Amino acid sequence: MKLIKIILIFSCVIFAQSQDKIPANIQKKLDEAIDHYNVSLYEESKTILLDLLYSSDGGKFEAEIRYHLGLACYREGKTADAFIQWRILRKKYPTSNRSKELSRLASKLGETMDAKSTFREEELEFDEELKFGKYFWDYSGADGRFLWGELKDPNAAIKYYEKLYDGYDDPNKKYKISLRLLALYGGYNNNKYGYNKELKAQSGTVEAKQYNKNFSRKVKSIFKQMEENISGELDLNFPNFVMWNYFWAVRLSDSQAWSEKVKANKESEIYFGKVISLTNSQPQDIYRTFSIMWLEDDAKKYVISEKEMADYLSFGLTNDILIELSGRGIPKELWRDLSQRGYDFSTIVDDASFIRSVKLEKLLIEANLVEGYSFANLRSELKKFDGWHNLFTNHNFVSFNNKELSQWLETQFDCKEENCLLPIINSYKLKIGSELMLQSKKKSKQIQRENQIFIPFLPISTFIVMKLNDVSPKDFVTLFIENRDMLY
């Protein structure tokens, strides 16, 4: 039964083609067969697939055809017939994507069978612990409500799940626990707790916006936690993660999930874009289709075509890196360069500021302001230290705890005292900020406000390189003002 569930889940969410690109006429027949077995017309589906297999053009794509022929049999309940098709596939095409996929699934099943007794005992204990958490609150889905009881204390539920999360190492269990925290913080409950619940002021007021903003931040951190516990597209929780990104995007749009009234905004675009990024190798995914529809022209920055995907992979980019870059809204023209830098993109604190910093690096190089010591020099020398990439992705110097890295940086600045680097960088920041205010006096209030937060959120690496090259605050601000439109 477990193998049945695994196969069916993967067949719904993974569309891995054979190594050869499938022609449109063959793909049309495959889609027709898939539609037939998806509505329980198994005999008709198998007839289409067998006719295709023995057609003049179909033999070349036998691996893909036998894969779906096996699925049609499996769904019909004819397990033996299904395994015959899959055994033929794996024997004749051991290096095909479909064969590898079936091997991975068989391996997962084998691991489970080997530890059957332990697995059952642990799963039972975990299920009971999850059920106990529902005594504290009352879950509802994204589109409906499912009642289990009366909430007594939402904060007690959160503390319970956080403690339960720390008690398990299994990523699958951690993911399921995180999902319950998402339901609490995101307002997917019937207990007036979380996003858009029990607002203390009228909708649209400053108080209401701040109330939602606090919960939105919590949800963002939970999504990050969930993603950390997913191994990739083949993870069983991957389709669930895609779905919840979509439903959260809809909630931020203040719209109903399948209505024609969804209007993406700045907050929801991030999550609609994440859905698209996660499903670039699954073009038929339903949540991807709707996300592209709601984003309209803005979807282009997240969509990767088959040709683009092939090009990026040939440059050495992995699909996981593409998902990360696309999901953060980083422009495609920066992907190839960034992929070669060795950054841990999950440590990026503010996506927009990071993108501006990368563009700013290029501007500083083109203006010949960092010829003495370049960003490439800094990266090369820092790579021997753990967590070095944080200097390029984080604006908060206090968060670093690598003493060797700090000592090396202090040496570059000829520090005479311990912990003198932070005051030097902060003083430099203040001088740049003052110069920016001076040159922005005649600008609009909106631009002045944006300029005020531009400097504090730049990564530390920007100031280190500029300071080591003695770039004056005036020269830097002039360069920024002249190119501001390109940076924003």
Protein backbone atom coordinates (compact mmCIF):
# COMPACT_ATOMS: atom_id res chain seq x y z
CA MET A 1 0.00 0.00 0.00
CA LYS A 2 2.84 2.39 0.84
CA LEU A 3 4.41 1.89 -2.61
CA ILE A 4 1.02 2.55 -4.22
CA LYS A 5 0.78 5.90 -2.40
CA ILE A 6 4.34 6.85 -3.28
CA ILE A 7 3.90 6.01 -6.97
CA LEU A 8 0.58 7.83 -7.28
CA ILE A 9 1.83 10.94 -5.51
CA PHE A 10 4.90 11.12 -7.71
CA SER A 11 2.94 10.48 -10.87
CA CYS A 12 0.77 13.49 -10.07
CA VAL A 13 3.54 15.96 -9.34
CA ILE A 14 6.61 14.95 -11.34
CA PHE A 15 6.75 15.20 -15.10
CA ALA A 16 10.22 13.84 -15.84
CA GLN A 17 10.69 13.28 -19.58
CA SER A 18 13.08 10.81 -21.09
CA GLN A 19 16.47 12.09 -22.17
CA ASP A 20 15.16 12.82 -25.67
CA LYS A 21 12.71 15.65 -26.05
CA ILE A 22 9.27 14.21 -26.74
CA PRO A 23 7.72 15.50 -30.00
CA ALA A 24 4.39 17.30 -29.82
CA ASN A 25 2.42 14.50 -31.54
CA ILE A 26 3.75 11.85 -29.13
CA GLN A 27 3.22 14.11 -26.13
CA LYS A 28 -0.37 14.74 -27.19
CA LYS A 29 -1.07 10.99 -27.17
CA LEU A 30 0.60 10.61 -23.76
CA ASP A 31 -1.50 13.45 -22.35
CA GLU A 32 -4.62 11.78 -23.76
CA ALA A 33 -3.74 8.49 -22.06
CA ILE A 34 -2.98 10.26 -18.76
CA ASP A 35 -6.35 12.05 -18.88
CA HIS A 36 -8.06 8.70 -19.44
CA TYR A 37 -6.50 6.89 -16.48
CA ASN A 38 -6.99 9.98 -14.28
CA VAL A 39 -10.75 9.55 -14.74
CA SER A 40 -10.63 5.75 -14.28
CA LEU A 41 -10.91 4.90 -17.99
CA TYR A 42 -8.11 2.37 -17.64
CA GLU A 43 -8.80 0.12 -20.63
CA GLU A 44 -9.05 3.10 -22.99
CA SER A 45 -5.82 4.53 -21.54
CA LYS A 46 -3.93 1.25 -22.00
CA THR A 47 -5.20 0.93 -25.58
CA ILE A 48 -3.88 4.39 -26.42
CA LEU A 49 -0.50 3.63 -24.82
CA LEU A 50 -0.10 0.23 -26.51
CA ASP A 51 -1.02 1.65 -29.92
CA LEU A 52 1.51 4.41 -29.34
CA LEU A 53 4.20 1.96 -28.18
CA TYR A 54 3.97 -0.10 -31.38
CA SER A 55 3.57 2.85 -33.73
CA SER A 56 6.41 3.83 -36.07
CA ASP A 57 7.35 6.84 -33.90
CA GLY A 58 6.56 5.50 -30.45
CA GLY A 59 9.36 2.98 -29.99
CA LYS A 60 11.92 5.67 -29.38
CA PHE A 61 10.01 6.75 -26.28
CA GLU A 62 9.31 3.30 -24.88
CA ALA A 63 10.55 4.21 -21.38
CA GLU A 64 8.01 7.01 -20.98
CA ILE A 65 5.18 4.96 -22.50
CA ARG A 66 5.80 1.86 -20.35
CA TYR A 67 6.02 4.07 -17.26
CA HIS A 68 2.48 5.36 -17.83
CA LEU A 69 1.27 1.94 -18.94
CA GLY A 70 2.39 0.67 -15.54
CA LEU A 71 0.57 3.50 -13.80
CA ALA A 72 -2.64 2.76 -15.69
CA CYS A 73 -2.44 -0.88 -14.56
CA TYR A 74 -1.60 0.07 -10.99
CA ARG A 75 -4.54 2.44 -10.70
CA GLU A 76 -6.79 -0.25 -12.09
CA GLY A 77 -5.65 -2.53 -9.29
CA LYS A 78 -3.64 -4.89 -11.52
CA THR A 79 -0.40 -4.72 -9.55
CA ALA A 80 1.32 -7.65 -11.24
CA ASP A 81 0.75 -6.15 -14.70
CA ALA A 82 2.14 -2.82 -13.52
CA PHE A 83 5.33 -4.41 -12.18
CA ILE A 84 5.85 -6.26 -15.44
CA GLN A 85 5.86 -2.95 -17.34
CA TRP A 86 8.22 -1.31 -14.85
CA ARG A 87 10.60 -4.28 -14.82
CA ILE A 88 10.83 -4.12 -18.63
CA LEU A 89 11.47 -0.37 -18.39
CA ARG A 90 14.25 -0.69 -15.80
CA LYS A 91 15.89 -3.61 -17.65
CA LYS A 92 15.90 -2.04 -21.13
CA TYR A 93 16.52 1.60 -20.09
CA PRO A 94 18.44 1.54 -16.79
CA THR A 95 19.83 5.07 -17.27
CA SER A 96 16.54 6.77 -18.20
CA ASN A 97 14.98 9.33 -15.88
CA ARG A 98 11.92 7.11 -15.35
CA SER A 99 14.07 4.11 -14.45
CA LYS A 100 16.05 6.16 -11.93
CA GLU A 101 12.83 7.47 -10.47
CA LEU A 102 11.43 3.96 -9.99
CA SER A 103 14.74 2.84 -8.47
CA ARG A 104 14.63 5.66 -5.94
CA LEU A 105 11.07 4.78 -4.98
CA ALA A 106 11.92 1.11 -4.64
CA SER A 107 14.88 2.05 -2.47
CA LYS A 108 12.67 4.14 -0.21
CA LEU A 109 10.27 1.22 0.15
CA GLY A 110 13.13 -1.16 0.90
CA GLU A 111 14.49 1.09 3.63
CA THR A 112 11.03 1.25 5.16
CA MET A 113 10.57 -2.53 5.05
CA ASP A 114 13.98 -3.14 6.67
CA ALA A 115 13.00 -1.01 9.64
CA LYS A 116 9.34 -2.00 9.64
CA SER A 117 8.92 -2.67 13.34
CA THR A 118 10.79 0.42 14.51
CA PHE A 119 9.08 2.53 11.86
CA ARG A 120 5.56 1.50 12.95
CA GLU A 121 6.30 2.10 16.63
CA GLU A 122 7.79 5.56 16.01
CA GLU A 123 5.04 6.55 13.59
CA LEU A 124 2.36 5.57 16.10
CA GLU A 125 4.04 7.61 18.82
CA PHE A 126 4.41 10.60 16.47
CA ASP A 127 0.77 10.43 15.35
CA GLU A 128 -0.40 10.36 18.95
CA GLU A 129 1.73 13.39 19.79
CA LEU A 130 0.34 15.30 16.82
CA LYS A 131 -3.22 14.41 17.85
CA PHE A 132 -2.57 15.62 21.38
CA GLY A 133 -1.68 19.06 20.00
CA LYS A 134 -5.22 19.46 18.70
CA TYR A 135 -6.53 19.70 22.24
CA PHE A 136 -5.15 23.23 22.22
CA TRP A 137 -6.62 24.59 19.00
CA ASP A 138 -9.01 24.09 16.09
CA TYR A 139 -7.61 23.61 12.57
CA SER A 140 -9.28 24.70 9.33
CA GLY A 141 -8.06 24.24 5.77
CA ALA A 142 -7.28 26.93 3.25
CA ASP A 143 -10.66 26.54 1.60
CA GLY A 144 -12.80 24.99 4.30
CA ARG A 145 -13.16 24.40 7.99
CA PHE A 146 -12.54 21.15 9.83
CA LEU A 147 -13.65 21.18 13.44
CA TRP A 148 -11.95 19.12 16.12
CA GLY A 149 -12.62 20.95 19.32
CA GLU A 150 -12.39 24.22 21.14
CA LEU A 151 -9.17 26.18 21.45
CA LYS A 152 -8.19 26.89 25.03
CA ASP A 153 -4.88 28.65 24.49
CA PRO A 154 -3.24 29.19 21.07
CA ASN A 155 0.06 30.13 22.68
CA ALA A 156 0.07 26.78 24.51
CA ALA A 157 -0.43 25.04 21.16
CA ILE A 158 2.50 26.93 19.63
CA LYS A 159 4.79 26.13 22.56
CA TYR A 160 3.75 22.48 22.36
CA TYR A 161 4.55 22.20 18.64
CA GLU A 162 7.84 24.06 18.99
CA LYS A 163 8.92 21.63 21.69
CA LEU A 164 7.71 18.69 19.61
CA TYR A 165 9.67 20.03 16.61
CA ASP A 166 12.91 20.07 18.61
CA GLY A 167 12.25 16.51 19.77
CA TYR A 168 12.50 14.93 16.30
CA ASP A 169 15.32 14.65 13.75
CA ASP A 170 13.25 13.15 10.93
CA PRO A 171 12.69 15.90 8.29
CA ASN A 172 9.28 14.45 7.39
CA LYS A 173 8.06 14.78 10.98
CA LYS A 174 9.55 18.24 11.36
CA TYR A 175 7.74 19.28 8.19
CA LYS A 176 4.38 18.04 9.49
CA ILE A 177 4.86 19.86 12.79
CA SER A 178 5.79 23.06 10.93
CA LEU A 179 2.60 22.72 8.92
CA ARG A 180 0.56 22.98 12.11
CA LEU A 181 2.46 26.08 13.18
CA LEU A 182 1.71 27.54 9.75
CA ALA A 183 -1.99 26.87 10.29
CA LEU A 184 -1.87 28.70 13.62
CA TYR A 185 0.15 31.74 12.56
CA GLY A 186 -1.51 31.93 9.13
CA GLY A 187 -5.03 32.03 10.56
CA TYR A 188 -6.09 28.66 9.13
CA ASN A 189 -8.11 27.89 12.23
CA ASN A 190 -11.51 28.64 13.70
CA ASN A 191 -10.20 30.23 16.85
CA LYS A 192 -9.65 33.90 15.99
CA TYR A 193 -5.89 33.51 16.07
CA GLY A 194 -3.30 34.45 13.47
CA TYR A 195 -3.32 36.40 10.24
CA ASN A 196 -6.60 38.28 9.53
CA LYS A 197 -8.11 37.02 12.79
CA GLU A 198 -9.47 39.06 15.73
CA LEU A 199 -8.18 42.39 14.42
CA LYS A 200 -8.26 45.02 17.11
CA ALA A 201 -9.05 47.79 14.64
CA GLN A 202 -10.96 48.26 11.41
CA SER A 203 -9.42 46.64 8.32
CA GLY A 204 -6.91 48.89 6.59
CA THR A 205 -5.93 50.93 9.65
CA VAL A 206 -2.37 51.20 10.93
CA GLU A 207 -3.12 48.93 13.91
CA ALA A 208 -4.69 46.24 11.75
CA LYS A 209 -1.83 46.34 9.25
CA GLN A 210 0.75 45.98 12.04
CA TYR A 211 -1.23 43.06 13.54
CA ASN A 212 -1.12 41.21 10.23
CA LYS A 213 2.47 42.20 9.55
CA ASN A 214 3.62 40.49 12.74
CA PHE A 215 1.89 37.23 11.83
CA SER A 216 3.10 37.49 8.23
CA ARG A 217 6.69 37.55 9.49
CA LYS A 218 6.02 34.46 11.59
CA VAL A 219 4.57 32.64 8.57
CA LYS A 220 7.60 33.60 6.46
CA SER A 221 9.92 32.00 9.02
CA ILE A 222 7.75 28.85 9.13
CA PHE A 223 7.88 28.51 5.33
CA LYS A 224 11.67 28.71 5.53
CA GLN A 225 11.62 26.03 8.23
CA MET A 226 9.39 23.81 6.10
CA GLU A 227 11.66 24.18 3.07
CA GLU A 228 14.71 23.22 5.12
CA ASN A 229 13.04 19.87 5.78
CA ILE A 230 12.37 19.08 2.11
CA SER A 231 15.10 17.24 0.21
CA GLY A 232 13.98 18.37 -3.26
CA GLU A 233 11.34 17.75 -5.90
CA LEU A 234 11.26 14.01 -5.13
CA ASP A 235 10.40 14.61 -1.49
CA LEU A 236 6.91 13.38 -0.61
CA ASN A 237 6.12 16.73 1.04
CA PHE A 238 7.17 18.77 -2.00
CA PRO A 239 3.70 19.01 -3.61
CA ASN A 240 2.20 19.96 -0.25
CA PHE A 241 4.79 22.74 0.10
CA VAL A 242 3.87 24.07 -3.35
CA MET A 243 0.19 24.03 -2.45
CA TRP A 244 0.62 25.95 0.80
CA ASN A 245 2.76 28.62 -0.87
CA TYR A 246 -0.12 29.11 -3.29
CA PHE A 247 -2.81 29.32 -0.61
CA TRP A 248 -0.75 31.74 1.45
CA ALA A 249 -0.24 33.92 -1.63
CA VAL A 250 -4.02 33.95 -2.13
CA ARG A 251 -4.57 34.92 1.49
CA LEU A 252 -2.11 37.80 1.18
CA SER A 253 -4.03 38.88 -1.91
CA ASP A 254 -7.17 38.92 0.25
CA SER A 255 -8.89 36.79 -2.38
CA GLN A 256 -10.58 33.43 -2.60
CA ALA A 257 -8.47 30.54 -3.86
CA TRP A 258 -10.21 29.77 -7.16
CA SER A 259 -12.12 33.01 -7.80
CA GLU A 260 -11.63 35.44 -10.67
CA LYS A 261 -10.97 38.22 -8.18
CA VAL A 262 -7.40 37.40 -7.20
CA LYS A 263 -5.20 40.47 -7.51
CA ALA A 264 -1.55 39.91 -6.72
CA ASN A 265 0.18 42.59 -4.69
CA LYS A 266 3.73 43.19 -3.52
CA GLU A 267 3.36 40.76 -0.60
CA SER A 268 1.61 37.95 -2.46
CA GLU A 269 3.86 38.13 -5.56
CA ILE A 270 6.71 36.63 -3.53
CA TYR A 271 4.72 33.46 -2.85
CA PHE A 272 3.08 33.20 -6.28
CA GLY A 273 6.60 33.55 -7.67
CA LYS A 274 7.81 30.83 -5.31
CA VAL A 275 5.14 28.46 -6.66
CA ILE A 276 6.28 29.13 -10.23
CA SER A 277 9.94 28.67 -9.29
CA LEU A 278 9.25 25.39 -7.53
CA THR A 279 7.37 23.99 -10.54
CA ASN A 280 9.53 25.06 -13.49
CA SER A 281 10.17 21.37 -14.20
CA GLN A 282 6.43 20.64 -13.79
CA PRO A 283 4.75 22.89 -16.37
CA GLN A 284 1.34 21.24 -15.92
CA ASP A 285 1.08 21.86 -12.16
CA ILE A 286 -2.33 23.40 -11.36
CA TYR A 287 -0.98 25.84 -8.74
CA ARG A 288 1.65 27.01 -11.21
CA THR A 289 -1.03 27.66 -13.84
CA PHE A 290 -3.09 29.83 -11.50
CA SER A 291 -0.01 31.63 -10.12
CA ILE A 292 1.06 32.61 -13.63
CA MET A 293 -2.49 33.76 -14.34
CA TRP A 294 -2.64 36.02 -11.26
CA LEU A 295 0.83 37.52 -11.74
CA GLU A 296 0.23 38.22 -15.46
CA ASP A 297 3.33 39.96 -16.95
CA ASP A 298 5.19 39.80 -13.63
CA ALA A 299 5.26 36.00 -13.92
CA LYS A 300 7.92 36.22 -16.67
CA LYS A 301 10.69 36.80 -14.16
CA TYR A 302 9.93 33.48 -12.45
CA VAL A 303 9.16 31.24 -15.45
CA ILE A 304 12.06 29.26 -16.90
CA SER A 305 11.52 27.78 -20.36
CA GLU A 306 12.85 24.36 -21.34
CA LYS A 307 15.58 25.99 -23.43
CA GLU A 308 16.60 28.30 -20.58
CA MET A 309 16.58 25.36 -18.17
CA ALA A 310 18.90 23.38 -20.46
CA ASP A 311 21.24 26.36 -20.81
CA TYR A 312 21.42 26.99 -17.06
CA LEU A 313 22.03 23.33 -16.30
CA SER A 314 24.84 23.28 -18.87
CA PHE A 315 26.48 26.17 -16.97
CA GLY A 316 26.56 24.01 -13.85
CA LEU A 317 23.50 25.42 -12.11
CA THR A 318 21.39 22.83 -10.32
CA ASN A 319 17.61 22.86 -10.23
CA ASP A 320 17.74 23.60 -6.48
CA ILE A 321 19.82 26.73 -7.13
CA LEU A 322 17.42 27.82 -9.88
CA ILE A 323 14.48 27.41 -7.50
CA GLU A 324 16.27 29.50 -4.87
CA LEU A 325 17.28 32.29 -7.25
CA SER A 326 13.94 32.45 -9.03
CA GLY A 327 11.95 32.26 -5.81
CA ARG A 328 13.80 35.26 -4.42
CA GLY A 329 13.01 37.32 -7.51
CA ILE A 330 16.68 37.65 -8.49
CA PRO A 331 16.93 38.76 -12.16
CA LYS A 332 17.92 36.00 -14.57
CA GLU A 333 20.84 37.99 -15.96
CA LEU A 334 22.56 37.64 -12.56
CA TRP A 335 22.05 33.89 -12.12
CA ARG A 336 25.11 32.57 -13.94
CA ASP A 337 27.46 34.91 -12.08
CA LEU A 338 25.88 34.31 -8.66
CA SER A 339 25.87 30.53 -9.07
CA GLN A 340 29.67 30.57 -9.33
CA ARG A 341 30.20 32.55 -6.12
CA GLY A 342 29.46 29.77 -3.67
CA TYR A 343 26.92 31.69 -1.59
CA ASP A 344 24.39 30.00 0.64
CA PHE A 345 21.36 31.87 -0.69
CA SER A 346 19.21 30.75 2.24
CA THR A 347 21.17 33.21 4.42
CA ILE A 348 19.98 36.24 2.43
CA VAL A 349 18.23 38.51 4.92
CA ASP A 350 16.58 40.94 2.51
CA ASP A 351 16.14 39.88 -1.12
CA ALA A 352 15.74 43.39 -2.58
CA SER A 353 18.81 44.75 -0.79
CA PHE A 354 20.88 41.74 -1.87
CA ILE A 355 19.92 42.28 -5.52
CA ARG A 356 20.84 45.97 -5.27
CA SER A 357 24.19 45.08 -3.70
CA VAL A 358 25.06 42.75 -6.61
CA LYS A 359 24.16 45.48 -9.13
CA LEU A 360 26.11 47.98 -7.04
CA GLU A 361 29.22 45.79 -7.20
CA LYS A 362 29.11 46.02 -10.99
CA LEU A 363 28.66 49.81 -10.87
CA LEU A 364 31.63 50.25 -8.52
CA ILE A 365 33.80 48.11 -10.81
CA GLU A 366 32.74 49.99 -13.95
CA ALA A 367 33.42 53.32 -12.23
CA ASN A 368 36.96 52.09 -11.34
CA LEU A 369 36.34 52.79 -7.64
CA VAL A 370 37.45 49.36 -6.38
CA GLU A 371 40.53 48.64 -8.48
CA GLY A 372 42.90 48.22 -5.52
CA TYR A 373 40.93 45.48 -3.75
CA SER A 374 38.00 43.88 -5.57
CA PHE A 375 34.95 41.93 -4.41
CA ALA A 376 36.48 38.87 -6.10
CA ASN A 377 39.63 39.35 -3.97
CA LEU A 378 37.52 39.43 -0.81
CA ARG A 379 35.55 36.31 -1.77
CA SER A 380 38.73 34.42 -2.62
CA GLU A 381 40.38 35.19 0.71
CA LEU A 382 37.27 34.61 2.82
CA LYS A 383 36.41 31.14 1.51
CA LYS A 384 38.73 29.50 4.02
CA PHE A 385 36.45 30.65 6.85
CA ASP A 386 33.17 29.02 7.87
CA GLY A 387 30.14 31.21 7.19
CA TRP A 388 32.12 33.61 4.99
CA HIS A 389 29.18 34.12 2.60
CA ASN A 390 27.22 35.85 5.39
CA LEU A 391 29.31 38.95 4.72
CA PHE A 392 27.71 39.11 1.24
CA THR A 393 24.15 38.19 2.26
CA ASN A 394 23.71 39.81 5.67
CA HIS A 395 23.74 43.45 6.80
CA ASN A 396 24.02 42.64 10.50
CA PHE A 397 27.63 42.37 11.61
CA VAL A 398 26.64 41.51 15.19
CA SER A 399 25.16 38.18 14.04
CA PHE A 400 28.58 36.72 13.12
CA ASN A 401 30.29 34.48 15.66
CA ASN A 402 33.35 33.37 13.69
CA LYS A 403 36.26 34.69 15.71
CA GLU A 404 38.92 33.75 13.14
CA LEU A 405 37.03 35.59 10.40
CA SER A 406 36.63 38.68 12.59
CA GLN A 407 40.34 38.67 13.48
CA TRP A 408 41.31 38.40 9.80
CA LEU A 409 39.11 41.37 8.90
CA GLU A 410 40.53 43.42 11.79
CA THR A 411 44.00 42.74 10.41
CA GLN A 412 43.00 44.19 7.02
CA PHE A 413 41.94 47.40 8.74
CA ASP A 414 45.05 47.59 10.96
CA CYS A 415 42.91 47.42 14.09
CA LYS A 416 44.93 48.07 17.23
CA GLU A 417 42.20 46.96 19.58
CA GLU A 418 39.94 43.92 19.68
CA ASN A 419 36.41 44.37 18.24
CA CYS A 420 37.32 47.66 16.58
CA LEU A 421 35.98 46.71 13.14
CA LEU A 422 32.29 47.31 13.91
CA PRO A 423 32.82 50.95 14.98
CA ILE A 424 34.89 51.58 11.82
CA ILE A 425 32.17 50.18 9.53
CA ASN A 426 29.37 51.96 11.40
CA SER A 427 31.21 55.28 11.24
CA TYR A 428 31.69 54.82 7.49
CA LYS A 429 27.99 54.01 7.09
CA LEU A 430 26.97 57.15 8.97
CA LYS A 431 29.14 59.36 6.75
CA ILE A 432 27.62 57.80 3.62
CA GLY A 433 24.12 58.21 5.08
CA SER A 434 24.72 61.88 5.86
CA GLU A 435 26.02 62.51 2.33
CA LEU A 436 23.01 60.70 0.86
CA MET A 437 20.60 62.87 2.86
CA LEU A 438 22.45 65.96 1.66
CA GLN A 439 22.25 65.00 -2.01
CA SER A 440 18.60 63.87 -1.69
CA LYS A 441 17.21 67.09 -0.23
CA LYS A 442 15.39 68.08 -3.41
CA LYS A 443 13.95 64.60 -4.01
CA SER A 444 10.42 63.50 -3.11
CA LYS A 445 9.58 62.31 0.40
CA GLN A 446 9.11 58.78 -0.92
CA ILE A 447 12.60 58.69 -2.46
CA GLN A 448 14.09 60.16 0.70
CA ARG A 449 12.47 57.43 2.79
CA GLU A 450 13.75 54.71 0.44
CA ASN A 451 17.24 56.21 0.50
CA GLN A 452 17.25 56.19 4.30
CA ILE A 453 16.88 52.40 4.43
CA PHE A 454 19.18 51.73 1.44
CA ILE A 455 22.44 52.09 3.36
CA PRO A 456 21.57 50.13 6.56
CA PHE A 457 20.46 47.05 4.60
CA LEU A 458 23.46 46.75 2.28
CA PRO A 459 25.59 43.67 3.09
CA ILE A 460 28.76 44.17 5.07
CA SER A 461 30.98 43.14 2.15
CA THR A 462 30.01 46.30 0.24
CA PHE A 463 31.36 48.58 2.97
CA ILE A 464 34.47 46.45 3.57
CA VAL A 465 35.55 46.62 -0.08
CA MET A 466 34.72 50.32 -0.41
CA LYS A 467 36.54 51.16 2.82
CA LEU A 468 39.63 49.17 1.79
CA ASN A 469 39.64 51.16 -1.49
CA ASP A 470 39.13 54.49 0.33
CA VAL A 471 35.96 55.23 -1.68
CA SER A 472 34.74 58.60 -0.42
CA PRO A 473 31.12 58.92 0.74
CA LYS A 474 30.61 61.67 -1.84
CA ASP A 475 31.86 59.54 -4.76
CA PHE A 476 29.72 56.61 -3.67
CA VAL A 477 26.54 58.65 -3.19
CA THR A 478 27.04 60.41 -6.53
CA LEU A 479 27.33 57.03 -8.23
CA PHE A 480 24.19 55.83 -6.44
CA ILE A 481 22.12 58.90 -7.32
CA GLU A 482 23.11 58.70 -10.98
CA ASN A 483 22.12 55.02 -11.22
CA ARG A 484 19.25 54.90 -8.73
CA ASP A 485 16.62 53.97 -11.32
CA MET A 486 18.65 50.92 -12.32
CA LEU A 487 18.99 49.79 -8.72
CA TYR A 488 15.28 50.09 -7.88
